Amino acid sequence: MQKLIDGIDYFQRNIFSHYQNVFHRLTLGQQPLALVITCSDSQIHPSLLTQTGPGELFILRNAGNLVPPFGSAHGGEAATIEYAVATLKVPDIIICGHSYCGAMTSLIHPEKCGDSPTVHAWLANAEATLRIIHQNYNQLVNDQERVTKAAEENVIVQLQNLRTHPSVAAALSRHELKLHGWIYCFETGQVSVYVPQLHRYLPLEQVYSYSNCETMEGVST
């Protein structure tokens, strides 16, 4: 706790003044560049990864970067997505999974959760991911490879769930919104992007053009 308190003190004395104009402008309203749906894992730092500052990302975090299908639960996920799309008009939504994901490990090995009924219930939102792993990746002997594949397949499953949300479906139909699936390998810093036409992930630099920040044609899911 002391590290957090010391950090706030340092921020107030040395950092805040450099961002004071930004924070003042944000009191008038926010216009984030994207909604990022990612894992609660402490190893993931979306703003550090994307080098974005205050007001630039609208972030939704939960265990396993899960998106319950619309109507299955009236919780924070659905409300956050609807607000980002319908009110803030974000042009992009990114679902970002990651390597060594504890939620995916617990999905494959529920016994590692111990007596955590709420965690088990929450991971039911990744039941399709679990079935894909059991039926399509049984040949993988290495457990970490199975977790990695689970993280990759889970992003694709959650993108499908995201499309069930009315605000998302409506914005997609107006061509005002793009969906993106990312996997972040935190131990190397590499980001891979799902390309639905190829049914595979490719390195970010192969998918996006840095000159105009547009995706390769048809890459957005």
C-alpha atoms as a PDB file:
ATOM      1  CA  MET A   1       0.000   0.000   0.000  1.00  0.00           C
ATOM      2  CA  GLN A   2       2.846   2.378   0.784  1.00  0.00           C
ATOM      3  CA  LYS A   3       4.056   2.201  -2.829  1.00  0.00           C
ATOM      4  CA  LEU A   4       0.624   3.364  -4.011  1.00  0.00           C
ATOM      5  CA  ILE A   5       0.514   6.229  -1.522  1.00  0.00           C
ATOM      6  CA  ASP A   6       4.021   7.308  -2.483  1.00  0.00           C
ATOM      7  CA  GLY A   7       3.003   7.134  -6.143  1.00  0.00           C
ATOM      8  CA  ILE A   8       0.034   9.449  -5.603  1.00  0.00           C
ATOM      9  CA  ASP A   9       2.239  11.885  -3.738  1.00  0.00           C
ATOM     10  CA  TYR A  10       4.769  11.862  -6.591  1.00  0.00           C
ATOM     11  CA  PHE A  11       2.003  12.318  -9.148  1.00  0.00           C
ATOM     12  CA  GLN A  12       0.527  15.285  -7.348  1.00  0.00           C
ATOM     13  CA  ARG A  13       3.900  16.980  -6.843  1.00  0.00           C
ATOM     14  CA  ASN A  14       5.651  16.180 -10.132  1.00  0.00           C
ATOM     15  CA  ILE A  15       3.263  14.905 -12.808  1.00  0.00           C
ATOM     16  CA  PHE A  16      -0.135  16.563 -12.489  1.00  0.00           C
ATOM     17  CA  SER A  17       1.058  20.022 -13.532  1.00  0.00           C
ATOM     18  CA  HIS A  18       2.243  18.657 -16.888  1.00  0.00           C
ATOM     19  CA  TYR A  19      -1.261  17.308 -17.610  1.00  0.00           C
ATOM     20  CA  GLN A  20      -3.319  20.047 -15.972  1.00  0.00           C
ATOM     21  CA  ASN A  21      -4.531  21.492 -19.276  1.00  0.00           C
ATOM     22  CA  VAL A  22      -5.485  18.017 -20.499  1.00  0.00           C
ATOM     23  CA  PHE A  23      -7.495  17.286 -17.357  1.00  0.00           C
ATOM     24  CA  HIS A  24      -9.171  20.681 -17.578  1.00  0.00           C
ATOM     25  CA  ARG A  25     -10.192  19.973 -21.178  1.00  0.00           C
ATOM     26  CA  LEU A  26     -11.549  16.572 -20.154  1.00  0.00           C
ATOM     27  CA  THR A  27     -13.938  18.221 -17.712  1.00  0.00           C
ATOM     28  CA  LEU A  28     -15.770  19.448 -20.817  1.00  0.00           C
ATOM     29  CA  GLY A  29     -16.216  15.918 -22.146  1.00  0.00           C
ATOM     30  CA  GLN A  30     -14.318  12.957 -23.486  1.00  0.00           C
ATOM     31  CA  GLN A  31     -13.811  11.653 -27.009  1.00  0.00           C
ATOM     32  CA  PRO A  32     -11.831   8.429 -26.625  1.00  0.00           C
ATOM     33  CA  LEU A  33     -10.171   6.918 -29.674  1.00  0.00           C
ATOM     34  CA  ALA A  34     -11.374   3.393 -28.917  1.00  0.00           C
ATOM     35  CA  LEU A  35     -12.986   1.068 -26.419  1.00  0.00           C
ATOM     36  CA  VAL A  36     -10.450  -1.512 -25.267  1.00  0.00           C
ATOM     37  CA  ILE A  37     -11.846  -4.654 -23.668  1.00  0.00           C
ATOM     38  CA  THR A  38      -9.023  -6.470 -21.957  1.00  0.00           C
ATOM     39  CA  CYS A  39      -8.141  -8.632 -18.983  1.00  0.00           C
ATOM     40  CA  SER A  40      -7.938  -7.509 -15.360  1.00  0.00           C
ATOM     41  CA  ASP A  41      -4.518  -9.153 -15.144  1.00  0.00           C
ATOM     42  CA  SER A  42      -1.961  -6.814 -13.572  1.00  0.00           C
ATOM     43  CA  GLN A  43       0.522  -7.748 -16.300  1.00  0.00           C
ATOM     44  CA  ILE A  44      -1.571  -5.850 -18.861  1.00  0.00           C
ATOM     45  CA  HIS A  45      -1.256  -2.058 -19.135  1.00  0.00           C
ATOM     46  CA  PRO A  46      -3.327  -0.858 -22.146  1.00  0.00           C
ATOM     47  CA  SER A  47      -2.209   2.771 -22.006  1.00  0.00           C
ATOM     48  CA  LEU A  48       1.452   1.811 -21.697  1.00  0.00           C
ATOM     49  CA  LEU A  49       1.123  -0.669 -24.560  1.00  0.00           C
ATOM     50  CA  THR A  50      -0.574   1.840 -26.889  1.00  0.00           C
ATOM     51  CA  GLN A  51       1.283   4.888 -25.562  1.00  0.00           C
ATOM     52  CA  THR A  52      -1.959   6.766 -24.978  1.00  0.00           C
ATOM     53  CA  GLY A  53      -2.739   9.403 -22.399  1.00  0.00           C
ATOM     54  CA  PRO A  54      -5.703  10.554 -20.304  1.00  0.00           C
ATOM     55  CA  GLY A  55      -8.952  10.672 -22.261  1.00  0.00           C
ATOM     56  CA  GLU A  56      -7.702   8.607 -25.202  1.00  0.00           C
ATOM     57  CA  LEU A  57      -8.900   5.115 -24.236  1.00  0.00           C
ATOM     58  CA  PHE A  58     -12.207   3.926 -22.801  1.00  0.00           C
ATOM     59  CA  ILE A  59     -11.218   0.728 -20.996  1.00  0.00           C
ATOM     60  CA  LEU A  60     -13.321  -2.229 -19.886  1.00  0.00           C
ATOM     61  CA  ARG A  61     -11.432  -4.813 -17.843  1.00  0.00           C
ATOM     62  CA  ASN A  62     -12.525  -8.128 -16.406  1.00  0.00           C
ATOM     63  CA  ALA A  63     -11.107 -11.604 -15.848  1.00  0.00           C
ATOM     64  CA  GLY A  64     -10.487 -13.111 -19.271  1.00  0.00           C
ATOM     65  CA  ASN A  65     -11.630 -10.079 -21.340  1.00  0.00           C
ATOM     66  CA  LEU A  66     -15.082 -11.637 -21.607  1.00  0.00           C
ATOM     67  CA  VAL A  67     -18.173 -10.136 -23.237  1.00  0.00           C
ATOM     68  CA  PRO A  68     -21.372 -11.850 -22.085  1.00  0.00           C
ATOM     69  CA  PRO A  69     -23.891 -12.123 -24.940  1.00  0.00           C
ATOM     70  CA  PHE A  70     -26.513  -9.378 -24.817  1.00  0.00           C
ATOM     71  CA  GLY A  71     -29.401 -10.240 -22.506  1.00  0.00           C
ATOM     72  CA  SER A  72     -27.541 -12.962 -20.616  1.00  0.00           C
ATOM     73  CA  ALA A  73     -26.756 -10.534 -17.798  1.00  0.00           C
ATOM     74  CA  HIS A  74     -27.447  -6.890 -17.036  1.00  0.00           C
ATOM     75  CA  GLY A  75     -24.072  -5.893 -15.740  1.00  0.00           C
ATOM     76  CA  GLY A  76     -21.254  -3.466 -16.147  1.00  0.00           C
ATOM     77  CA  GLU A  77     -19.997  -4.985 -19.404  1.00  0.00           C
ATOM     78  CA  ALA A  78     -23.204  -4.348 -21.361  1.00  0.00           C
ATOM     79  CA  ALA A  79     -23.598  -0.849 -19.920  1.00  0.00           C
ATOM     80  CA  THR A  80     -19.994   0.094 -20.652  1.00  0.00           C
ATOM     81  CA  ILE A  81     -20.200  -1.148 -24.243  1.00  0.00           C
ATOM     82  CA  GLU A  82     -23.486   0.633 -24.873  1.00  0.00           C
ATOM     83  CA  TYR A  83     -22.217   3.905 -23.414  1.00  0.00           C
ATOM     84  CA  ALA A  84     -18.979   3.749 -25.417  1.00  0.00           C
ATOM     85  CA  VAL A  85     -20.775   3.067 -28.698  1.00  0.00           C
ATOM     86  CA  ALA A  86     -24.061   4.933 -28.397  1.00  0.00           C
ATOM     87  CA  THR A  87     -22.965   7.950 -26.362  1.00  0.00           C
ATOM     88  CA  LEU A  88     -19.241   8.388 -26.898  1.00  0.00           C
ATOM     89  CA  LYS A  89     -19.382   7.163 -30.529  1.00  0.00           C
ATOM     90  CA  VAL A  90     -16.063   5.312 -30.379  1.00  0.00           C
ATOM     91  CA  PRO A  91     -15.019   4.309 -33.916  1.00  0.00           C
ATOM     92  CA  ASP A  92     -13.177   1.154 -32.852  1.00  0.00           C
ATOM     93  CA  ILE A  93     -13.527  -1.632 -30.282  1.00  0.00           C
ATOM     94  CA  ILE A  94     -10.518  -3.798 -29.501  1.00  0.00           C
ATOM     95  CA  ILE A  95     -10.759  -7.058 -27.585  1.00  0.00           C
ATOM     96  CA  CYS A  96      -7.259  -7.765 -26.345  1.00  0.00           C
ATOM     97  CA  GLY A  97      -6.301 -11.124 -24.875  1.00  0.00           C
ATOM     98  CA  HIS A  98      -2.821 -11.925 -23.632  1.00  0.00           C
ATOM     99  CA  SER A  99      -0.230 -14.595 -23.004  1.00  0.00           C
ATOM    100  CA  TYR A 100      -0.094 -16.500 -19.709  1.00  0.00           C
ATOM    101  CA  CYS A 101      -3.714 -15.573 -18.982  1.00  0.00           C
ATOM    102  CA  GLY A 102      -4.800 -16.791 -15.559  1.00  0.00           C
ATOM    103  CA  ALA A 103      -8.462 -16.812 -16.597  1.00  0.00           C
ATOM    104  CA  MET A 104      -7.719 -19.100 -19.550  1.00  0.00           C
ATOM    105  CA  THR A 105      -5.642 -21.344 -17.296  1.00  0.00           C
ATOM    106  CA  SER A 106      -8.573 -21.562 -14.888  1.00  0.00           C
ATOM    107  CA  LEU A 107     -10.941 -22.242 -17.778  1.00  0.00           C
ATOM    108  CA  ILE A 108      -8.900 -25.275 -18.844  1.00  0.00           C
ATOM    109  CA  HIS A 109      -8.062 -26.327 -15.273  1.00  0.00           C
ATOM    110  CA  PRO A 110     -11.038 -25.278 -13.098  1.00  0.00           C
ATOM    111  CA  GLU A 111      -9.509 -27.064 -10.121  1.00  0.00           C
ATOM    112  CA  LYS A 112      -6.863 -24.331  -9.980  1.00  0.00           C
ATOM    113  CA  CYS A 113      -9.573 -21.822  -8.996  1.00  0.00           C
ATOM    114  CA  GLY A 114     -10.257 -23.716  -5.816  1.00  0.00           C
ATOM    115  CA  ASP A 115     -13.450 -22.798  -4.000  1.00  0.00           C
ATOM    116  CA  SER A 116     -14.396 -19.802  -6.156  1.00  0.00           C
ATOM    117  CA  PRO A 117     -17.991 -20.274  -7.332  1.00  0.00           C
ATOM    118  CA  THR A 118     -18.277 -16.741  -8.699  1.00  0.00           C
ATOM    119  CA  VAL A 119     -15.161 -17.234 -10.838  1.00  0.00           C
ATOM    120  CA  HIS A 120     -16.506 -20.514 -12.185  1.00  0.00           C
ATOM    121  CA  ALA A 121     -19.843 -18.868 -13.008  1.00  0.00           C
ATOM    122  CA  TRP A 122     -18.116 -15.964 -14.752  1.00  0.00           C
ATOM    123  CA  LEU A 123     -15.953 -18.269 -16.870  1.00  0.00           C
ATOM    124  CA  ALA A 124     -19.124 -19.889 -18.197  1.00  0.00           C
ATOM    125  CA  ASN A 125     -19.099 -16.944 -20.614  1.00  0.00           C
ATOM    126  CA  ALA A 126     -16.116 -18.680 -22.222  1.00  0.00           C
ATOM    127  CA  GLU A 127     -17.769 -22.097 -22.486  1.00  0.00           C
ATOM    128  CA  ALA A 128     -17.544 -21.967 -26.295  1.00  0.00           C
ATOM    129  CA  THR A 129     -13.819 -21.300 -25.990  1.00  0.00           C
ATOM    130  CA  LEU A 130     -13.396 -24.331 -23.735  1.00  0.00           C
ATOM    131  CA  ARG A 131     -15.266 -26.575 -26.158  1.00  0.00           C
ATOM    132  CA  ILE A 132     -13.133 -25.362 -29.073  1.00  0.00           C
ATOM    133  CA  ILE A 133      -9.968 -26.203 -27.134  1.00  0.00           C
ATOM    134  CA  HIS A 134     -11.203 -29.661 -26.098  1.00  0.00           C
ATOM    135  CA  GLN A 135     -12.421 -30.604 -29.559  1.00  0.00           C
ATOM    136  CA  ASN A 136      -9.804 -28.943 -31.781  1.00  0.00           C
ATOM    137  CA  TYR A 137      -6.581 -28.816 -29.771  1.00  0.00           C
ATOM    138  CA  ASN A 138      -6.398 -32.138 -27.950  1.00  0.00           C
ATOM    139  CA  GLN A 139      -3.204 -32.903 -29.845  1.00  0.00           C
ATOM    140  CA  LEU A 140      -1.381 -30.179 -27.905  1.00  0.00           C
ATOM    141  CA  VAL A 141       0.570 -31.822 -25.105  1.00  0.00           C
ATOM    142  CA  ASN A 142       2.221 -28.672 -23.787  1.00  0.00           C
ATOM    143  CA  ASP A 143      -0.155 -27.059 -21.322  1.00  0.00           C
ATOM    144  CA  GLN A 144       1.072 -23.525 -22.010  1.00  0.00           C
ATOM    145  CA  GLU A 145       0.368 -23.994 -25.711  1.00  0.00           C
ATOM    146  CA  ARG A 146      -3.215 -24.889 -24.832  1.00  0.00           C
ATOM    147  CA  VAL A 147      -3.530 -21.743 -22.711  1.00  0.00           C
ATOM    148  CA  THR A 148      -2.142 -19.661 -25.577  1.00  0.00           C
ATOM    149  CA  LYS A 149      -4.608 -21.199 -28.022  1.00  0.00           C
ATOM    150  CA  ALA A 150      -7.410 -20.628 -25.525  1.00  0.00           C
ATOM    151  CA  ALA A 151      -6.513 -16.936 -25.311  1.00  0.00           C
ATOM    152  CA  GLU A 152      -6.524 -16.666 -29.111  1.00  0.00           C
ATOM    153  CA  GLU A 153      -9.790 -18.543 -29.609  1.00  0.00           C
ATOM    154  CA  ASN A 154     -11.405 -16.691 -26.724  1.00  0.00           C
ATOM    155  CA  VAL A 155     -10.859 -13.328 -28.406  1.00  0.00           C
ATOM    156  CA  ILE A 156     -12.684 -14.629 -31.484  1.00  0.00           C
ATOM    157  CA  VAL A 157     -15.556 -16.001 -29.378  1.00  0.00           C
ATOM    158  CA  GLN A 158     -15.918 -12.723 -27.489  1.00  0.00           C
ATOM    159  CA  LEU A 159     -15.950 -10.749 -30.760  1.00  0.00           C
ATOM    160  CA  GLN A 160     -18.934 -12.867 -31.779  1.00  0.00           C
ATOM    161  CA  ASN A 161     -20.625 -12.139 -28.446  1.00  0.00           C
ATOM    162  CA  LEU A 162     -19.918  -8.436 -28.923  1.00  0.00           C
ATOM    163  CA  ARG A 163     -21.934  -8.438 -32.146  1.00  0.00           C
ATOM    164  CA  THR A 164     -25.057  -9.497 -30.198  1.00  0.00           C
ATOM    165  CA  HIS A 165     -25.177  -6.113 -28.439  1.00  0.00           C
ATOM    166  CA  PRO A 166     -27.748  -3.901 -30.197  1.00  0.00           C
ATOM    167  CA  SER A 167     -25.653  -0.723 -30.035  1.00  0.00           C
ATOM    168  CA  VAL A 168     -22.736  -2.558 -31.647  1.00  0.00           C
ATOM    169  CA  ALA A 169     -24.887  -4.199 -34.321  1.00  0.00           C
ATOM    170  CA  ALA A 170     -26.480  -0.858 -35.213  1.00  0.00           C
ATOM    171  CA  ALA A 171     -23.152   0.975 -35.440  1.00  0.00           C
ATOM    172  CA  LEU A 172     -21.664  -1.814 -37.546  1.00  0.00           C
ATOM    173  CA  SER A 173     -24.605  -1.650 -39.947  1.00  0.00           C
ATOM    174  CA  ARG A 174     -23.965   2.086 -40.397  1.00  0.00           C
ATOM    175  CA  HIS A 175     -20.253   1.405 -40.985  1.00  0.00           C
ATOM    176  CA  GLU A 176     -19.449   3.666 -38.047  1.00  0.00           C
ATOM    177  CA  LEU A 177     -17.640   1.025 -36.000  1.00  0.00           C
ATOM    178  CA  LYS A 178     -14.852  -1.506 -36.521  1.00  0.00           C
ATOM    179  CA  LEU A 179     -14.052  -4.481 -34.305  1.00  0.00           C
ATOM    180  CA  HIS A 180     -10.530  -5.769 -33.734  1.00  0.00           C
ATOM    181  CA  GLY A 181      -9.132  -8.866 -32.040  1.00  0.00           C
ATOM    182  CA  TRP A 182      -5.646  -8.604 -30.534  1.00  0.00           C
ATOM    183  CA  ILE A 183      -3.332 -10.897 -28.616  1.00  0.00           C
ATOM    184  CA  TYR A 184      -0.619  -9.227 -26.556  1.00  0.00           C
ATOM    185  CA  CYS A 185       2.473 -11.267 -25.698  1.00  0.00           C
ATOM    186  CA  PHE A 186       3.535  -9.297 -22.646  1.00  0.00           C
ATOM    187  CA  GLU A 187       6.894 -11.043 -22.253  1.00  0.00           C
ATOM    188  CA  THR A 188       8.017  -9.911 -25.736  1.00  0.00           C
ATOM    189  CA  GLY A 189       5.865  -6.814 -26.273  1.00  0.00           C
ATOM    190  CA  GLN A 190       4.484  -8.230 -29.535  1.00  0.00           C
ATOM    191  CA  VAL A 191       0.854  -7.744 -30.600  1.00  0.00           C
ATOM    192  CA  SER A 192      -0.911 -10.038 -33.081  1.00  0.00           C
ATOM    193  CA  VAL A 193      -4.151  -9.177 -34.864  1.00  0.00           C
ATOM    194  CA  TYR A 194      -6.859 -11.633 -35.906  1.00  0.00           C
ATOM    195  CA  VAL A 195      -7.537 -11.647 -39.657  1.00  0.00           C
ATOM    196  CA  PRO A 196     -10.918 -13.357 -40.195  1.00  0.00           C
ATOM    197  CA  GLN A 197     -10.410 -13.879 -43.926  1.00  0.00           C
ATOM    198  CA  LEU A 198      -7.292 -15.924 -43.184  1.00  0.00           C
ATOM    199  CA  HIS A 199      -8.608 -17.458 -39.938  1.00  0.00           C
ATOM    200  CA  ARG A 200      -5.318 -16.660 -38.250  1.00  0.00           C
ATOM    201  CA  TYR A 201      -3.383 -14.058 -36.302  1.00  0.00           C
ATOM    202  CA  LEU A 202      -0.718 -11.947 -37.955  1.00  0.00           C
ATOM    203  CA  PRO A 203       1.822  -9.527 -36.445  1.00  0.00           C
ATOM    204  CA  LEU A 204       0.327  -6.069 -35.979  1.00  0.00           C
ATOM    205  CA  GLU A 205       2.843  -4.456 -38.333  1.00  0.00           C
ATOM    206  CA  GLN A 206       1.668  -6.730 -41.163  1.00  0.00           C
ATOM    207  CA  VAL A 207      -1.979  -5.872 -40.652  1.00  0.00           C
ATOM    208  CA  TYR A 208      -2.023  -2.126 -40.094  1.00  0.00           C
ATOM    209  CA  SER A 209      -0.532   0.568 -42.265  1.00  0.00           C
ATOM    210  CA  TYR A 210       1.375   2.983 -40.063  1.00  0.00           C
ATOM    211  CA  SER A 211       1.060   5.681 -42.736  1.00  0.00           C
ATOM    212  CA  ASN A 212      -2.702   6.092 -42.409  1.00  0.00           C
ATOM    213  CA  CYS A 213      -3.582   3.956 -39.366  1.00  0.00           C
ATOM    214  CA  GLU A 214      -6.096   1.988 -41.449  1.00  0.00           C
ATOM    215  CA  THR A 215      -6.410  -1.767 -41.323  1.00  0.00           C
ATOM    216  CA  MET A 216      -5.483  -3.907 -44.248  1.00  0.00           C
ATOM    217  CA  GLU A 217      -8.605  -4.224 -46.417  1.00  0.00           C
ATOM    218  CA  GLY A 218     -11.144  -6.510 -44.795  1.00  0.00           C
ATOM    219  CA  VAL A 219      -9.148  -7.153 -41.649  1.00  0.00           C
ATOM    220  CA  SER A 220     -11.591  -5.499 -39.250  1.00  0.00           C
ATOM    221  CA  THR A 221     -13.951  -8.226 -38.056  1.00  0.00           C
END
